[in-house]
Protein backbone atom coordinates (compact mmCIF):
# COMPACT_ATOMS: atom_id res chain seq x y z
CA TYR A 1 -13.17 0.31 6.89
CA GLU A 2 -9.75 -0.56 8.22
CA PHE A 3 -6.56 1.46 8.12
CA ALA A 4 -3.10 0.91 9.54
CA ALA A 5 0.21 2.70 9.08
CA ARG A 6 3.76 2.26 10.24
CA VAL A 7 7.03 4.07 9.74
CA GLU A 8 10.24 2.20 8.94
CA VAL A 9 13.34 4.15 9.95
CA LEU A 10 16.34 2.97 7.94
CA THR A 11 20.03 3.72 7.95
CA PRO A 12 21.43 5.49 4.87
CA GLY A 13 23.15 2.22 3.93
CA SER A 14 19.95 0.16 3.99
CA PHE A 15 17.53 2.72 2.56
CA ALA A 16 18.50 2.25 -1.11
CA GLY A 17 18.15 -1.54 -0.87
CA ARG A 18 14.72 -1.30 0.76
CA ALA A 19 13.58 1.23 -1.85
CA GLN A 20 14.71 -1.03 -4.71
CA GLU A 21 12.99 -4.03 -3.08
CA LEU A 22 9.65 -2.20 -2.80
CA LEU A 23 9.82 -0.71 -6.29
CA ALA A 24 10.56 -4.16 -7.76
CA LEU A 25 7.64 -5.68 -5.82
CA VAL A 26 5.21 -3.10 -7.16
CA SER A 27 6.52 -2.92 -10.73
CA ASP A 28 6.28 -6.71 -11.11
CA HIS A 29 2.71 -6.82 -9.76
CA PRO A 30 -0.23 -6.64 -12.23
CA HIS A 31 -2.11 -4.27 -9.89
CA GLY A 32 0.87 -2.15 -8.90
CA LEU A 33 1.68 1.48 -9.59
CA ALA A 34 4.71 3.54 -8.59
CA GLY A 35 5.78 7.13 -9.08
CA VAL A 36 9.36 8.26 -8.56
CA PHE A 37 9.92 11.90 -7.67
CA PRO A 38 12.61 14.19 -9.11
CA GLY A 39 15.72 14.66 -7.05
CA SER A 40 16.22 11.08 -5.88
CA PRO A 41 15.55 7.69 -7.46
CA HIS A 42 14.61 6.50 -3.97
CA ALA A 43 11.89 9.13 -3.38
CA PHE A 44 8.67 7.43 -4.44
CA THR A 45 5.08 6.54 -3.74
CA ALA A 46 3.95 3.02 -4.61
CA LEU A 47 0.57 1.27 -4.50
CA LEU A 48 -0.69 -2.31 -4.72
CA ALA A 49 -4.46 -2.83 -4.98
CA GLN A 50 -6.76 -5.83 -5.10
CA ARG A 51 -10.42 -6.70 -4.81
CA HIS A 52 -11.51 -9.69 -2.75
CA GLU A 53 -14.97 -10.83 -1.64
CA GLY A 54 -16.70 -7.47 -2.02
CA GLN A 55 -13.86 -5.49 -0.50
CA VAL A 56 -11.06 -3.41 -1.91
CA HIS A 57 -7.63 -3.66 -0.27
CA TRP A 58 -4.60 -1.54 -0.98
CA ARG A 59 -1.15 -1.03 0.41
CA THR A 60 1.02 2.03 -0.11
CA TRP A 61 4.62 2.94 0.52
CA HIS A 62 5.90 6.52 0.66
CA ALA A 63 9.68 6.82 0.69
CA TYR A 64 11.47 9.83 2.17
CA PRO A 65 15.21 9.32 1.57
CA GLN A 66 16.14 12.68 3.13
CA ASP A 67 14.72 11.39 6.44
CA GLY A 68 15.58 7.70 5.99
CA GLN A 69 11.90 6.77 6.35
CA VAL A 70 9.41 4.61 4.51
CA VAL A 71 5.79 5.07 5.54
CA ALA A 72 3.71 1.97 4.80
CA THR A 73 -0.09 1.92 4.91
CA ARG A 74 -2.70 -0.80 4.63
CA THR A 75 -6.36 -0.02 3.88
CA ARG A 76 -9.44 -2.18 3.43
CA VAL A 77 -12.90 -0.93 2.47
CA GLY A 78 -16.11 -2.81 1.90
CA VAL A 79 -19.84 -2.34 1.77
CA ARG A 80 -21.87 -3.50 4.72
CA VAL A 81 -25.01 -5.39 3.87
CA PRO A 82 -27.91 -4.47 6.18
CA THR A 83 -29.15 -7.36 8.34
CA SER A 84 -32.59 -7.11 6.72
CA GLN A 85 -31.07 -7.88 3.31
CA LEU A 86 -29.08 -10.81 4.71
CA SER A 87 -32.19 -12.44 6.17
CA ARG A 88 -34.10 -12.02 2.87
CA ALA A 89 -31.20 -13.47 0.88
CA SER A 90 -31.17 -16.66 2.93
CA VAL A 91 -34.87 -17.41 2.30
């Protein structure tokens, strides 16, 4: 399991452009999903997910226009294979 998060603090002038950029990225992606909240077209949560080599990865963005912040997260989860199974598989 791996998780990371960061907060982007944006000026009011740059927030709308960043929000549009992220919403376009997610809406054009086959594994993307976005929800826009009432009250502001720039208040949203967006998700991109993918599976790769037995792991699931996803990235999220949570936009808070009232605070000028976008919180971005990155998560990766996978199943560990016990060493005993690895040694049997190589026989």
